[in-house]
Amino acid sequence: MSAYDDFAKEKQEIDDLLLQGYAVTGMLETLDGAKVKFDQGEPGKGSVELLLLTADARKYVTTLVFAGMQKVQ
């Protein structure tokens, strides 16, 4: 699989979670990749942790987080 295909797969997973009402609530960068925690809007509804391996997917999710912060201000 090409690097773009890897990124496209991870981007689709992120977009799917966001469409289901999840929001990014935490990120942890490790040597293996970035662990991104997604929680649903209501407490206790559930959380999902996604391991992002590609640099482009990590940049994409970080951009989404910062864009969300801009909307709040």
C-alpha atoms as a PDB file:
ATOM      1  CA  MET A   1       0.000   0.000   0.000  1.00  0.00           C
ATOM      2  CA  SER A   2       1.283   3.465  -0.821  1.00  0.00           C
ATOM      3  CA  ALA A   3       1.831   6.211   1.728  1.00  0.00           C
ATOM      4  CA  TYR A   4      -1.181   8.068   0.361  1.00  0.00           C
ATOM      5  CA  ASP A   5      -3.397   4.997   0.729  1.00  0.00           C
ATOM      6  CA  ASP A   6      -2.292   4.644   4.365  1.00  0.00           C
ATOM      7  CA  PHE A   7      -3.116   8.314   4.990  1.00  0.00           C
ATOM      8  CA  ALA A   8      -6.462   8.082   3.187  1.00  0.00           C
ATOM      9  CA  LYS A   9      -7.482   5.094   5.332  1.00  0.00           C
ATOM     10  CA  GLU A  10      -6.598   6.879   8.580  1.00  0.00           C
ATOM     11  CA  LYS A  11      -8.276  10.111   7.429  1.00  0.00           C
ATOM     12  CA  GLN A  12     -11.458   8.176   6.626  1.00  0.00           C
ATOM     13  CA  GLU A  13     -11.438   6.616  10.118  1.00  0.00           C
ATOM     14  CA  ILE A  14     -11.098  10.086  11.675  1.00  0.00           C
ATOM     15  CA  ASP A  15     -13.864  11.544   9.507  1.00  0.00           C
ATOM     16  CA  ASP A  16     -16.173   8.604  10.269  1.00  0.00           C
ATOM     17  CA  LEU A  17     -15.744   9.095  14.014  1.00  0.00           C
ATOM     18  CA  LEU A  18     -16.407  12.835  13.712  1.00  0.00           C
ATOM     19  CA  LEU A  19     -19.561  12.189  11.666  1.00  0.00           C
ATOM     20  CA  GLN A  20     -20.776   9.803  14.392  1.00  0.00           C
ATOM     21  CA  GLY A  21     -20.601  12.644  16.923  1.00  0.00           C
ATOM     22  CA  TYR A  22     -17.215  11.939  18.460  1.00  0.00           C
ATOM     23  CA  ALA A  23     -14.789  14.739  19.325  1.00  0.00           C
ATOM     24  CA  VAL A  24     -11.047  14.679  19.914  1.00  0.00           C
ATOM     25  CA  THR A  25     -10.434  14.840  23.660  1.00  0.00           C
ATOM     26  CA  GLY A  26      -6.804  13.843  23.910  1.00  0.00           C
ATOM     27  CA  MET A  27      -3.630  13.098  21.992  1.00  0.00           C
ATOM     28  CA  LEU A  28      -0.465  11.312  23.012  1.00  0.00           C
ATOM     29  CA  GLU A  29       2.532  11.251  20.684  1.00  0.00           C
ATOM     30  CA  THR A  30       4.707   8.144  21.005  1.00  0.00           C
ATOM     31  CA  LEU A  31       7.471   6.596  18.948  1.00  0.00           C
ATOM     32  CA  ASP A  32       4.853   4.257  17.462  1.00  0.00           C
ATOM     33  CA  GLY A  33       2.539   7.057  16.313  1.00  0.00           C
ATOM     34  CA  ALA A  34      -0.122   9.265  17.824  1.00  0.00           C
ATOM     35  CA  LYS A  35      -2.808   7.860  20.088  1.00  0.00           C
ATOM     36  CA  VAL A  36      -5.890  10.008  19.642  1.00  0.00           C
ATOM     37  CA  LYS A  37      -8.812   9.694  22.050  1.00  0.00           C
ATOM     38  CA  PHE A  38     -12.308  10.417  20.775  1.00  0.00           C
ATOM     39  CA  ASP A  39     -15.309  10.815  23.106  1.00  0.00           C
ATOM     40  CA  GLN A  40     -18.957  11.262  22.242  1.00  0.00           C
ATOM     41  CA  GLY A  41     -20.607  14.522  23.256  1.00  0.00           C
ATOM     42  CA  GLU A  42     -22.540  13.103  26.197  1.00  0.00           C
ATOM     43  CA  PRO A  43     -20.585  11.779  29.183  1.00  0.00           C
ATOM     44  CA  GLY A  44     -20.601   8.017  29.500  1.00  0.00           C
ATOM     45  CA  LYS A  45     -21.566   7.450  25.866  1.00  0.00           C
ATOM     46  CA  GLY A  46     -18.248   5.874  25.034  1.00  0.00           C
ATOM     47  CA  SER A  47     -14.780   6.585  23.830  1.00  0.00           C
ATOM     48  CA  VAL A  48     -12.558   5.315  21.058  1.00  0.00           C
ATOM     49  CA  GLU A  49      -8.778   5.410  20.819  1.00  0.00           C
ATOM     50  CA  LEU A  50      -7.220   5.520  17.376  1.00  0.00           C
ATOM     51  CA  LEU A  51      -3.524   4.961  16.655  1.00  0.00           C
ATOM     52  CA  LEU A  52      -2.394   7.173  13.777  1.00  0.00           C
ATOM     53  CA  LEU A  53       0.780   5.971  12.101  1.00  0.00           C
ATOM     54  CA  THR A  54       1.149   8.411   9.224  1.00  0.00           C
ATOM     55  CA  ALA A  55       2.504  11.907   9.684  1.00  0.00           C
ATOM     56  CA  ASP A  56      -0.147  13.325   7.361  1.00  0.00           C
ATOM     57  CA  ALA A  57      -2.976  11.866   9.465  1.00  0.00           C
ATOM     58  CA  ARG A  58      -1.406  13.302  12.621  1.00  0.00           C
ATOM     59  CA  LYS A  59      -1.186  16.718  10.941  1.00  0.00           C
ATOM     60  CA  TYR A  60      -4.791  16.391   9.755  1.00  0.00           C
ATOM     61  CA  VAL A  61      -6.206  15.655  13.208  1.00  0.00           C
ATOM     62  CA  THR A  62      -4.097  18.433  14.764  1.00  0.00           C
ATOM     63  CA  THR A  63      -5.457  20.877  12.196  1.00  0.00           C
ATOM     64  CA  LEU A  64      -9.002  19.812  13.085  1.00  0.00           C
ATOM     65  CA  VAL A  65      -8.307  20.379  16.783  1.00  0.00           C
ATOM     66  CA  PHE A  66      -6.906  23.866  16.193  1.00  0.00           C
ATOM     67  CA  ALA A  67      -9.774  24.749  13.842  1.00  0.00           C
ATOM     68  CA  GLY A  68     -12.208  23.717  16.577  1.00  0.00           C
ATOM     69  CA  MET A  69     -10.380  25.901  19.088  1.00  0.00           C
ATOM     70  CA  GLN A  70     -10.682  28.887  16.735  1.00  0.00           C
ATOM     71  CA  LYS A  71     -14.470  28.442  16.586  1.00  0.00           C
ATOM     72  CA  VAL A  72     -14.718  28.510  20.388  1.00  0.00           C
ATOM     73  CA  GLN A  73     -12.870  31.825  20.771  1.00  0.00           C
END
